[in-house]
Protein backbone atom coordinates (compact mmCIF):
# COMPACT_ATOMS: atom_id res chain seq x y z
CA MET A 1 100.35 75.34 186.49
CA GLU A 2 101.73 72.59 188.71
CA LEU A 3 105.38 71.60 188.24
CA ARG A 4 106.88 68.13 188.55
CA TYR A 5 109.80 67.70 190.93
CA ALA A 6 113.02 65.75 190.49
CA LYS A 7 115.45 64.52 193.14
CA THR A 8 117.28 67.85 193.01
CA GLY A 9 114.43 70.32 192.57
CA ILE A 10 112.16 71.19 189.66
CA LEU A 11 112.18 68.54 186.92
CA MET A 12 113.63 70.02 183.74
CA ILE A 13 114.02 66.90 181.58
CA GLU A 14 111.06 66.20 179.32
CA ILE A 15 110.41 63.34 176.91
CA LEU A 16 108.28 63.94 173.83
CA PRO A 17 106.72 60.44 173.77
CA ASP A 18 104.91 60.80 170.44
CA LYS A 19 108.26 61.16 168.68
CA CYS A 20 110.29 58.53 170.59
CA ASP A 21 111.35 55.39 168.70
CA PHE A 22 112.15 53.57 172.00
CA CYS A 23 115.78 52.86 171.08
CA GLY A 24 116.88 52.92 174.74
CA CYS A 25 119.98 55.11 174.30
CA CYS A 26 118.83 57.35 177.15
CA VAL A 27 118.26 54.43 179.52
CA GLY A 28 121.85 53.26 179.17
CA VAL A 29 123.42 56.63 180.01
CA CYS A 30 121.25 57.62 182.98
CA PRO A 31 123.41 57.36 186.11
CA GLU A 32 120.36 57.38 188.40
CA ASP A 33 118.34 54.73 186.51
CA ALA A 34 115.59 57.34 186.21
CA ILE A 35 114.23 56.42 182.79
CA GLU A 36 111.76 53.60 182.48
CA LEU A 37 111.23 51.95 179.11
CA LYS A 38 108.40 49.46 178.68
CA GLU A 39 107.65 48.16 175.19
CA ALA A 40 106.07 51.26 173.58
CA GLU A 41 106.13 53.57 176.61
CA ILE A 42 108.90 55.68 178.11
CA SER A 43 108.87 57.86 181.21
CA ILE A 44 111.08 59.65 183.70
CA ILE A 45 110.98 58.53 187.32
CA ASP A 46 110.84 62.00 188.88
CA GLU A 47 112.20 61.11 192.31
CA ARG A 48 115.36 59.57 190.80
CA CYS A 49 116.15 62.22 188.16
CA THR A 50 118.91 64.73 188.98
CA ASN A 51 118.51 66.83 185.78
CA CYS A 52 122.04 65.87 184.67
CA ALA A 53 120.87 65.95 181.00
CA LYS A 54 122.97 62.97 179.89
CA CYS A 55 119.80 61.53 178.37
CA VAL A 56 119.24 64.75 176.41
CA TRP A 57 122.73 64.56 174.88
CA SER A 58 122.42 60.84 174.10
CA CYS A 59 119.10 60.93 172.25
CA PRO A 60 119.82 60.50 168.52
CA ILE A 61 116.47 61.96 167.42
CA GLU A 62 116.18 64.78 169.99
CA VAL A 63 112.97 63.69 171.68
CA ILE A 64 114.34 64.38 175.15
CA VAL A 65 114.61 68.08 175.87
CA PHE A 66 115.89 70.29 178.69
CA ASN A 67 113.04 72.61 179.65
CA ARG A 68 114.43 75.54 181.67
CA ASP A 69 110.92 76.53 182.78
CA GLY A 70 110.31 73.11 184.33
CA VAL A 71 108.02 70.26 183.34
CA THR A 72 104.35 70.60 184.23
CA VAL A 73 102.06 67.87 185.54
CA LYS A 74 99.79 66.61 182.78
């Protein structure tokens, strides 16, 4: 199991893309500009993310989760 790494260590923020409605709430609150939203695709830019979890709190449909075990490479 290979883990993804954020700016501050192991990446713990995970987006469940199949459930996302691409509203962009998370993009607006990210202080590091670490969330990329393109039409029908959303992703975290690992090297910018600091695991602050502001995106997790801002998501109205709970598709962004804080994974304490870390996010694995897919």
